[in-house]
Amino acid sequence: MPSTVPLTIAGRDLCRARRVADEFGGATAATIDLRRGDLGLQETDGYSAVVATVWDSHLNGLRFAQDRGLPYVSISSGLVDIGPEVVATRKGSAP
């Protein structure tokens, strides 16, 4: 079912971003560069939120959102934080 809310899937690899966008139906794809403060995105694109799902060591995604007054959420840092717990649990767990 196509989304009624405009959605852009951004990634470092445009082909992969396009594949994911196609799965959402109606989403667009864009290339980003996490080393740049503007993420390499055009200012005219009019984004209304940023959701980070990959580790951004420079926090440029967060700054991009803050500079534009956009909501921001990152699930990537949580994935990094729970890594040791997942490994520790698995080590003593039954299969």
PDB file of N, CA and C in Angstrom:
ATOM      1  N   MET A   1       0.840  -1.172   0.000  1.00  0.00           N
ATOM      2  CA  MET A   1       0.000   0.000   0.000  1.00  0.00           C
ATOM      3  C   MET A   1       0.893   1.245   0.000  1.00  0.00           C
ATOM      4  N   PRO A   2       0.760   2.134  -0.976  1.00  0.00           N
ATOM      5  CA  PRO A   2       1.575   3.346  -1.040  1.00  0.00           C
ATOM      6  C   PRO A   2       1.304   4.253   0.156  1.00  0.00           C
ATOM      7  N   SER A   3       2.366   4.888   0.606  1.00  0.00           N
ATOM      8  CA  SER A   3       2.269   5.805   1.737  1.00  0.00           C
ATOM      9  C   SER A   3       1.588   7.102   1.311  1.00  0.00           C
ATOM     10  N   THR A   4       0.788   7.685   2.199  1.00  0.00           N
ATOM     11  CA  THR A   4       0.186   8.985   1.919  1.00  0.00           C
ATOM     12  C   THR A   4       1.060  10.102   2.458  1.00  0.00           C
ATOM     13  N   VAL A   5       2.091   9.756   3.219  1.00  0.00           N
ATOM     14  CA  VAL A   5       3.049  10.722   3.741  1.00  0.00           C
ATOM     15  C   VAL A   5       4.317  10.593   2.908  1.00  0.00           C
ATOM     16  N   PRO A   6       4.847  11.711   2.388  1.00  0.00           N
ATOM     17  CA  PRO A   6       6.081  11.608   1.610  1.00  0.00           C
ATOM     18  C   PRO A   6       7.201  11.016   2.463  1.00  0.00           C
ATOM     19  N   LEU A   7       7.908  10.068   1.900  1.00  0.00           N
ATOM     20  CA  LEU A   7       8.972   9.388   2.619  1.00  0.00           C
ATOM     21  C   LEU A   7      10.190   9.300   1.720  1.00  0.00           C
ATOM     22  N   THR A   8      11.341   9.678   2.264  1.00  0.00           N
ATOM     23  CA  THR A   8      12.599   9.539   1.545  1.00  0.00           C
ATOM     24  C   THR A   8      13.491   8.582   2.317  1.00  0.00           C
ATOM     25  N   ILE A   9      13.964   7.562   1.641  1.00  0.00           N
ATOM     26  CA  ILE A   9      14.930   6.630   2.207  1.00  0.00           C
ATOM     27  C   ILE A   9      16.298   7.103   1.739  1.00  0.00           C
ATOM     28  N   ALA A  10      17.130   7.496   2.686  1.00  0.00           N
ATOM     29  CA  ALA A  10      18.457   8.003   2.344  1.00  0.00           C
ATOM     30  C   ALA A  10      19.507   7.013   2.809  1.00  0.00           C
ATOM     31  N   GLY A  11      20.528   6.861   1.999  1.00  0.00           N
ATOM     32  CA  GLY A  11      21.609   5.941   2.350  1.00  0.00           C
ATOM     33  C   GLY A  11      22.879   6.319   1.631  1.00  0.00           C
ATOM     34  N   ARG A  12      23.946   5.660   2.004  1.00  0.00           N
ATOM     35  CA  ARG A  12      25.233   5.922   1.365  1.00  0.00           C
ATOM     36  C   ARG A  12      25.281   5.321  -0.029  1.00  0.00           C
ATOM     37  N   ASP A  13      24.495   4.282  -0.280  1.00  0.00           N
ATOM     38  CA  ASP A  13      24.445   3.603  -1.567  1.00  0.00           C
ATOM     39  C   ASP A  13      23.054   3.828  -2.171  1.00  0.00           C
ATOM     40  N   LEU A  14      22.997   4.608  -3.240  1.00  0.00           N
ATOM     41  CA  LEU A  14      21.715   4.980  -3.834  1.00  0.00           C
ATOM     42  C   LEU A  14      20.941   3.763  -4.337  1.00  0.00           C
ATOM     43  N   CYS A  15      21.605   2.773  -4.885  1.00  0.00           N
ATOM     44  CA  CYS A  15      20.898   1.577  -5.379  1.00  0.00           C
ATOM     45  C   CYS A  15      20.196   0.851  -4.231  1.00  0.00           C
ATOM     46  N   ARG A  16      20.876   0.712  -3.108  1.00  0.00           N
ATOM     47  CA  ARG A  16      20.260   0.050  -1.949  1.00  0.00           C
ATOM     48  C   ARG A  16      19.109   0.885  -1.406  1.00  0.00           C
ATOM     49  N   ALA A  17      19.288   2.203  -1.358  1.00  0.00           N
ATOM     50  CA  ALA A  17      18.211   3.082  -0.883  1.00  0.00           C
ATOM     51  C   ALA A  17      16.996   2.960  -1.795  1.00  0.00           C
ATOM     52  N   ARG A  18      17.231   2.881  -3.093  1.00  0.00           N
ATOM     53  CA  ARG A  18      16.114   2.733  -4.043  1.00  0.00           C
ATOM     54  C   ARG A  18      15.371   1.417  -3.830  1.00  0.00           C
ATOM     55  N   ARG A  19      16.113   0.340  -3.582  1.00  0.00           N
ATOM     56  CA  ARG A  19      15.459  -0.951  -3.346  1.00  0.00           C
ATOM     57  C   ARG A  19      14.544  -0.886  -2.120  1.00  0.00           C
ATOM     58  N   VAL A  20      15.032  -0.269  -1.059  1.00  0.00           N
ATOM     59  CA  VAL A  20      14.211  -0.143   0.153  1.00  0.00           C
ATOM     60  C   VAL A  20      13.023   0.777  -0.118  1.00  0.00           C
ATOM     61  N   ALA A  21      13.259   1.893  -0.788  1.00  0.00           N
ATOM     62  CA  ALA A  21      12.175   2.830  -1.105  1.00  0.00           C
ATOM     63  C   ALA A  21      11.099   2.145  -1.943  1.00  0.00           C
ATOM     64  N   ASP A  22      11.507   1.331  -2.886  1.00  0.00           N
ATOM     65  CA  ASP A  22      10.538   0.613  -3.725  1.00  0.00           C
ATOM     66  C   ASP A  22       9.661  -0.323  -2.901  1.00  0.00           C
ATOM     67  N   GLU A  23      10.221  -0.911  -1.855  1.00  0.00           N
ATOM     68  CA  GLU A  23       9.438  -1.792  -0.987  1.00  0.00           C
ATOM     69  C   GLU A  23       8.338  -1.026  -0.251  1.00  0.00           C
ATOM     70  N   PHE A  24       8.568   0.254   0.010  1.00  0.00           N
ATOM     71  CA  PHE A  24       7.558   1.070   0.684  1.00  0.00           C
ATOM     72  C   PHE A  24       6.478   1.540  -0.288  1.00  0.00           C
ATOM     73  N   GLY A  25       6.765   1.540  -1.565  1.00  0.00           N
ATOM     74  CA  GLY A  25       5.796   1.986  -2.560  1.00  0.00           C
ATOM     75  C   GLY A  25       5.551   3.481  -2.448  1.00  0.00           C
ATOM     76  N   GLY A  26       6.022   4.220  -3.386  1.00  0.00           N
ATOM     77  CA  GLY A  26       5.815   5.669  -3.393  1.00  0.00           C
ATOM     78  C   GLY A  26       6.891   6.461  -2.687  1.00  0.00           C
ATOM     79  N   ALA A  27       7.831   5.791  -2.018  1.00  0.00           N
ATOM     80  CA  ALA A  27       8.928   6.488  -1.352  1.00  0.00           C
ATOM     81  C   ALA A  27       9.985   6.855  -2.391  1.00  0.00           C
ATOM     82  N   THR A  28      10.746   7.888  -2.097  1.00  0.00           N
ATOM     83  CA  THR A  28      11.860   8.275  -2.954  1.00  0.00           C
ATOM     84  C   THR A  28      13.163   7.873  -2.278  1.00  0.00           C
ATOM     85  N   ALA A  29      14.250   7.925  -3.023  1.00  0.00           N
ATOM     86  CA  ALA A  29      15.562   7.559  -2.500  1.00  0.00           C
ATOM     87  C   ALA A  29      16.528   8.720  -2.692  1.00  0.00           C
ATOM     88  N   ALA A  30      17.483   8.833  -1.783  1.00  0.00           N
ATOM     89  CA  ALA A  30      18.506   9.868  -1.867  1.00  0.00           C
ATOM     90  C   ALA A  30      19.810   9.320  -1.308  1.00  0.00           C
ATOM     91  N   THR A  31      20.905   9.912  -1.749  1.00  0.00           N
ATOM     92  CA  THR A  31      22.218   9.560  -1.236  1.00  0.00           C
ATOM     93  C   THR A  31      22.588  10.569  -0.149  1.00  0.00           C
ATOM     94  N   ILE A  32      23.172  10.067   0.955  1.00  0.00           N
ATOM     95  CA  ILE A  32      23.648  10.969   1.999  1.00  0.00           C
ATOM     96  C   ILE A  32      25.128  10.727   2.255  1.00  0.00           C
ATOM     97  N   ASP A  33      25.771  11.733   2.800  1.00  0.00           N
ATOM     98  CA  ASP A  33      27.174  11.648   3.202  1.00  0.00           C
ATOM     99  C   ASP A  33      27.228  12.060   4.662  1.00  0.00           C
ATOM    100  N   LEU A  34      27.391  11.095   5.551  1.00  0.00           N
ATOM    101  CA  LEU A  34      27.369  11.374   6.985  1.00  0.00           C
ATOM    102  C   LEU A  34      28.557  12.217   7.448  1.00  0.00           C
ATOM    103  N   ARG A  35      29.541  12.424   6.596  1.00  0.00           N
ATOM    104  CA  ARG A  35      30.678  13.278   6.957  1.00  0.00           C
ATOM    105  C   ARG A  35      30.360  14.758   6.767  1.00  0.00           C
ATOM    106  N   ARG A  36      29.251  15.052   6.083  1.00  0.00           N
ATOM    107  CA  ARG A  36      28.882  16.453   5.795  1.00  0.00           C
ATOM    108  C   ARG A  36      27.769  16.911   6.726  1.00  0.00           C
ATOM    109  N   GLY A  37      27.854  18.150   7.167  1.00  0.00           N
ATOM    110  CA  GLY A  37      26.838  18.718   8.033  1.00  0.00           C
ATOM    111  C   GLY A  37      25.474  18.807   7.370  1.00  0.00           C
ATOM    112  N   ASP A  38      25.459  19.021   6.057  1.00  0.00           N
ATOM    113  CA  ASP A  38      24.183  19.100   5.332  1.00  0.00           C
ATOM    114  C   ASP A  38      23.762  17.732   4.785  1.00  0.00           C
ATOM    115  N   LEU A  39      24.544  16.709   5.105  1.00  0.00           N
ATOM    116  CA  LEU A  39      24.324  15.334   4.654  1.00  0.00           C
ATOM    117  C   LEU A  39      24.338  15.186   3.135  1.00  0.00           C
ATOM    118  N   GLY A  40      24.683  16.267   2.432  1.00  0.00           N
ATOM    119  CA  GLY A  40      24.688  16.221   0.979  1.00  0.00           C
ATOM    120  C   GLY A  40      23.305  16.321   0.376  1.00  0.00           C
ATOM    121  N   LEU A  41      22.317  16.679   1.198  1.00  0.00           N
ATOM    122  CA  LEU A  41      20.935  16.783   0.724  1.00  0.00           C
ATOM    123  C   LEU A  41      20.634  18.202   0.269  1.00  0.00           C
ATOM    124  N   GLN A  42      19.762  18.326  -0.691  1.00  0.00           N
ATOM    125  CA  GLN A  42      19.354  19.624  -1.196  1.00  0.00           C
ATOM    126  C   GLN A  42      18.476  20.336  -0.170  1.00  0.00           C
ATOM    127  N   GLU A  43      18.681  21.607   0.014  1.00  0.00           N
ATOM    128  CA  GLU A  43      17.878  22.386   0.960  1.00  0.00           C
ATOM    129  C   GLU A  43      16.415  22.479   0.546  1.00  0.00           C
ATOM    130  N   THR A  44      16.141  22.319  -0.721  1.00  0.00           N
ATOM    131  CA  THR A  44      14.772  22.475  -1.209  1.00  0.00           C
ATOM    132  C   THR A  44      13.914  21.227  -1.014  1.00  0.00           C
ATOM    133  N   ASP A  45      14.501  20.161  -0.486  1.00  0.00           N
ATOM    134  CA  ASP A  45      13.762  18.906  -0.364  1.00  0.00           C
ATOM    135  C   ASP A  45      12.688  18.941   0.714  1.00  0.00           C
ATOM    136  N   GLY A  46      12.758  19.849   1.671  1.00  0.00           N
ATOM    137  CA  GLY A  46      11.704  20.039   2.655  1.00  0.00           C
ATOM    138  C   GLY A  46      11.417  18.853   3.552  1.00  0.00           C
ATOM    139  N   TYR A  47      12.426  18.306   4.188  1.00  0.00           N
ATOM    140  CA  TYR A  47      12.220  17.183   5.098  1.00  0.00           C
ATOM    141  C   TYR A  47      11.537  17.660   6.376  1.00  0.00           C
ATOM    142  N   SER A  48      10.757  16.778   6.999  1.00  0.00           N
ATOM    143  CA  SER A  48      10.037  17.168   8.214  1.00  0.00           C
ATOM    144  C   SER A  48      10.445  16.360   9.435  1.00  0.00           C
ATOM    145  N   ALA A  49      11.345  15.403   9.292  1.00  0.00           N
ATOM    146  CA  ALA A  49      11.869  14.632  10.419  1.00  0.00           C
ATOM    147  C   ALA A  49      13.079  13.837   9.946  1.00  0.00           C
ATOM    148  N   VAL A  50      13.900  13.407  10.907  1.00  0.00           N
ATOM    149  CA  VAL A  50      15.066  12.572  10.607  1.00  0.00           C
ATOM    150  C   VAL A  50      15.023  11.358  11.526  1.00  0.00           C
ATOM    151  N   VAL A  51      15.130  10.176  10.936  1.00  0.00           N
ATOM    152  CA  VAL A  51      15.210   8.927  11.697  1.00  0.00           C
ATOM    153  C   VAL A  51      16.518   8.257  11.301  1.00  0.00           C
ATOM    154  N   ALA A  52      17.420   8.111  12.247  1.00  0.00           N
ATOM    155  CA  ALA A  52      18.724   7.504  11.973  1.00  0.00           C
ATOM    156  C   ALA A  52      18.700   6.027  12.341  1.00  0.00           C
ATOM    157  N   THR A  53      19.077   5.206  11.385  1.00  0.00           N
ATOM    158  CA  THR A  53      19.123   3.765  11.640  1.00  0.00           C
ATOM    159  C   THR A  53      20.523   3.205  11.458  1.00  0.00           C
ATOM    160  N   VAL A  54      21.491   4.061  11.203  1.00  0.00           N
ATOM    161  CA  VAL A  54      22.898   3.663  11.108  1.00  0.00           C
ATOM    162  C   VAL A  54      23.720   4.544  12.045  1.00  0.00           C
ATOM    163  N   TRP A  55      24.853   4.030  12.469  1.00  0.00           N
ATOM    164  CA  TRP A  55      25.725   4.776  13.371  1.00  0.00           C
ATOM    165  C   TRP A  55      26.285   5.999  12.664  1.00  0.00           C
ATOM    166  N   ASP A  56      26.172   7.154  13.308  1.00  0.00           N
ATOM    167  CA  ASP A  56      26.641   8.430  12.775  1.00  0.00           C
ATOM    168  C   ASP A  56      27.614   9.009  13.798  1.00  0.00           C
ATOM    169  N   SER A  57      28.884   8.664  13.663  1.00  0.00           N
ATOM    170  CA  SER A  57      29.881   9.047  14.663  1.00  0.00           C
ATOM    171  C   SER A  57      30.083  10.559  14.771  1.00  0.00           C
ATOM    172  N   HIS A  58      29.729  11.304  13.734  1.00  0.00           N
ATOM    173  CA  HIS A  58      29.874  12.761  13.767  1.00  0.00           C
ATOM    174  C   HIS A  58      28.594  13.466  14.222  1.00  0.00           C
ATOM    175  N   LEU A  59      27.516  12.712  14.386  1.00  0.00           N
ATOM    176  CA  LEU A  59      26.203  13.257  14.767  1.00  0.00           C
ATOM    177  C   LEU A  59      25.691  14.305  13.788  1.00  0.00           C
ATOM    178  N   ASN A  60      26.096  14.187  12.533  1.00  0.00           N
ATOM    179  CA  ASN A  60      25.638  15.153  11.534  1.00  0.00           C
ATOM    180  C   ASN A  60      24.147  15.029  11.244  1.00  0.00           C
ATOM    181  N   GLY A  61      23.584  13.844  11.369  1.00  0.00           N
ATOM    182  CA  GLY A  61      22.137  13.699  11.199  1.00  0.00           C
ATOM    183  C   GLY A  61      21.380  14.462  12.266  1.00  0.00           C
ATOM    184  N   LEU A  62      21.858  14.367  13.499  1.00  0.00           N
ATOM    185  CA  LEU A  62      21.254  15.110  14.608  1.00  0.00           C
ATOM    186  C   LEU A  62      21.381  16.608  14.373  1.00  0.00           C
ATOM    187  N   ARG A  63      22.562  17.047  13.996  1.00  0.00           N
ATOM    188  CA  ARG A  63      22.762  18.493  13.743  1.00  0.00           C
ATOM    189  C   ARG A  63      21.917  18.977  12.565  1.00  0.00           C
ATOM    190  N   PHE A  64      21.800  18.143  11.537  1.00  0.00           N
ATOM    191  CA  PHE A  64      20.954  18.474  10.392  1.00  0.00           C
ATOM    192  C   PHE A  64      19.534  18.752  10.878  1.00  0.00           C
ATOM    193  N   ALA A  65      19.022  17.869  11.723  1.00  0.00           N
ATOM    194  CA  ALA A  65      17.661  18.041  12.255  1.00  0.00           C
ATOM    195  C   ALA A  65      17.581  19.278  13.147  1.00  0.00           C
ATOM    196  N   GLN A  66      18.534  19.454  14.045  1.00  0.00           N
ATOM    197  CA  GLN A  66      18.509  20.604  14.957  1.00  0.00           C
ATOM    198  C   GLN A  66      18.561  21.925  14.201  1.00  0.00           C
ATOM    199  N   ASP A  67      19.436  22.007  13.214  1.00  0.00           N
ATOM    200  CA  ASP A  67      19.579  23.251  12.444  1.00  0.00           C
ATOM    201  C   ASP A  67      18.300  23.637  11.717  1.00  0.00           C
ATOM    202  N   ARG A  68      17.452  22.658  11.456  1.00  0.00           N
ATOM    203  CA  ARG A  68      16.205  22.905  10.720  1.00  0.00           C
ATOM    204  C   ARG A  68      14.967  22.804  11.602  1.00  0.00           C
ATOM    205  N   GLY A  69      15.183  22.600  12.901  1.00  0.00           N
ATOM    206  CA  GLY A  69      14.058  22.496  13.832  1.00  0.00           C
ATOM    207  C   GLY A  69      13.193  21.269  13.591  1.00  0.00           C
ATOM    208  N   LEU A  70      13.822  20.166  13.176  1.00  0.00           N
ATOM    209  CA  LEU A  70      13.088  18.946  12.848  1.00  0.00           C
ATOM    210  C   LEU A  70      13.158  17.939  13.990  1.00  0.00           C
ATOM    211  N   PRO A  71      12.126  17.125  14.141  1.00  0.00           N
ATOM    212  CA  PRO A  71      12.202  16.018  15.095  1.00  0.00           C
ATOM    213  C   PRO A  71      13.299  15.047  14.662  1.00  0.00           C
ATOM    214  N   TYR A  72      13.952  14.429  15.648  1.00  0.00           N
ATOM    215  CA  TYR A  72      15.043  13.489  15.381  1.00  0.00           C
ATOM    216  C   TYR A  72      14.932  12.307  16.328  1.00  0.00           C
ATOM    217  N   VAL A  73      15.114  11.123  15.791  1.00  0.00           N
ATOM    218  CA  VAL A  73      15.202   9.930  16.626  1.00  0.00           C
ATOM    219  C   VAL A  73      16.258   9.016  16.004  1.00  0.00           C
ATOM    220  N   SER A  74      17.045   8.413  16.880  1.00  0.00           N
ATOM    221  CA  SER A  74      18.063   7.478  16.420  1.00  0.00           C
ATOM    222  C   SER A  74      17.883   6.154  17.131  1.00  0.00           C
ATOM    223  N   ILE A  75      17.806   5.092  16.342  1.00  0.00           N
ATOM    224  CA  ILE A  75      17.770   3.770  16.952  1.00  0.00           C
ATOM    225  C   ILE A  75      19.133   3.105  16.842  1.00  0.00           C
ATOM    226  N   SER A  76      20.071   3.731  16.137  1.00  0.00           N
ATOM    227  CA  SER A  76      21.380   3.103  15.943  1.00  0.00           C
ATOM    228  C   SER A  76      22.185   3.056  17.234  1.00  0.00           C
ATOM    229  N   SER A  77      22.127   4.094  18.043  1.00  0.00           N
ATOM    230  CA  SER A  77      22.908   4.078  19.278  1.00  0.00           C
ATOM    231  C   SER A  77      22.384   3.015  20.228  1.00  0.00           C
ATOM    232  N   GLY A  78      21.106   2.768  20.251  1.00  0.00           N
ATOM    233  CA  GLY A  78      20.542   1.712  21.081  1.00  0.00           C
ATOM    234  C   GLY A  78      21.019   0.343  20.646  1.00  0.00           C
ATOM    235  N   LEU A  79      21.165   0.153  19.334  1.00  0.00           N
ATOM    236  CA  LEU A  79      21.653  -1.128  18.834  1.00  0.00           C
ATOM    237  C   LEU A  79      23.088  -1.365  19.284  1.00  0.00           C
ATOM    238  N   VAL A  80      23.892  -0.304  19.323  1.00  0.00           N
ATOM    239  CA  VAL A  80      25.276  -0.417  19.788  1.00  0.00           C
ATOM    240  C   VAL A  80      25.294  -0.702  21.286  1.00  0.00           C
ATOM    241  N   ASP A  81      24.444  -0.029  22.038  1.00  0.00           N
ATOM    242  CA  ASP A  81      24.427  -0.182  23.492  1.00  0.00           C
ATOM    243  C   ASP A  81      24.014  -1.565  23.953  1.00  0.00           C
ATOM    244  N   ILE A  82      23.111  -2.211  23.245  1.00  0.00           N
ATOM    245  CA  ILE A  82      22.639  -3.516  23.707  1.00  0.00           C
ATOM    246  C   ILE A  82      23.517  -4.663  23.230  1.00  0.00           C
ATOM    247  N   GLY A  83      24.479  -4.401  22.388  1.00  0.00           N
ATOM    248  CA  GLY A  83      25.351  -5.446  21.857  1.00  0.00           C
ATOM    249  C   GLY A  83      25.981  -6.326  22.931  1.00  0.00           C
ATOM    250  N   PRO A  84      26.651  -5.741  23.933  1.00  0.00           N
ATOM    251  CA  PRO A  84      27.261  -6.579  24.974  1.00  0.00           C
ATOM    252  C   PRO A  84      26.234  -7.419  25.732  1.00  0.00           C
ATOM    253  N   GLU A  85      25.040  -6.889  25.949  1.00  0.00           N
ATOM    254  CA  GLU A  85      24.008  -7.642  26.657  1.00  0.00           C
ATOM    255  C   GLU A  85      23.533  -8.829  25.817  1.00  0.00           C
ATOM    256  N   VAL A  86      23.397  -8.622  24.535  1.00  0.00           N
ATOM    257  CA  VAL A  86      22.967  -9.709  23.654  1.00  0.00           C
ATOM    258  C   VAL A  86      24.014 -10.820  23.653  1.00  0.00           C
ATOM    259  N   VAL A  87      25.279 -10.448  23.546  1.00  0.00           N
ATOM    260  CA  VAL A  87      26.352 -11.434  23.527  1.00  0.00           C
ATOM    261  C   VAL A  87      26.429 -12.154  24.874  1.00  0.00           C
ATOM    262  N   ALA A  88      26.326 -11.427  25.971  1.00  0.00           N
ATOM    263  CA  ALA A  88      26.400 -12.039  27.312  1.00  0.00           C
ATOM    264  C   ALA A  88      25.232 -12.996  27.537  1.00  0.00           C
ATOM    265  N   THR A  89      24.065 -12.614  27.109  1.00  0.00           N
ATOM    266  CA  THR A  89      22.902 -13.470  27.267  1.00  0.00           C
ATOM    267  C   THR A  89      23.048 -14.728  26.435  1.00  0.00           C
ATOM    268  N   ARG A  90      23.484 -14.590  25.241  1.00  0.00           N
ATOM    269  CA  ARG A  90      23.634 -15.727  24.332  1.00  0.00           C
ATOM    270  C   ARG A  90      24.665 -16.714  24.852  1.00  0.00           C
ATOM    271  N   LYS A  91      25.715 -16.210  25.463  1.00  0.00           N
ATOM    272  CA  LYS A  91      26.809 -17.052  25.935  1.00  0.00           C
ATOM    273  C   LYS A  91      26.339 -18.102  26.933  1.00  0.00           C
ATOM    274  N   GLY A  92      25.423 -17.712  27.831  1.00  0.00           N
ATOM    275  CA  GLY A  92      24.965 -18.648  28.840  1.00  0.00           C
ATOM    276  C   GLY A  92      23.597 -19.238  28.555  1.00  0.00           C
ATOM    277  N   SER A  93      23.037 -18.923  27.401  1.00  0.00           N
ATOM    278  CA  SER A  93      21.679 -19.381  27.087  1.00  0.00           C
ATOM    279  C   SER A  93      21.672 -20.746  26.432  1.00  0.00           C
ATOM    280  N   ALA A  94      20.577 -21.426  26.603  1.00  0.00           N
ATOM    281  CA  ALA A  94      20.373 -22.671  25.876  1.00  0.00           C
ATOM    282  C   ALA A  94      20.032 -22.345  24.435  1.00  0.00           C
ATOM    283  N   PRO A  95      20.357 -23.220  23.502  1.00  0.00           N
ATOM    284  CA  PRO A  95      20.036 -22.935  22.081  1.00  0.00           C
ATOM    285  C   PRO A  95      18.545 -22.814  21.846  1.00  0.00           C
TER     286      PRO A  95
END
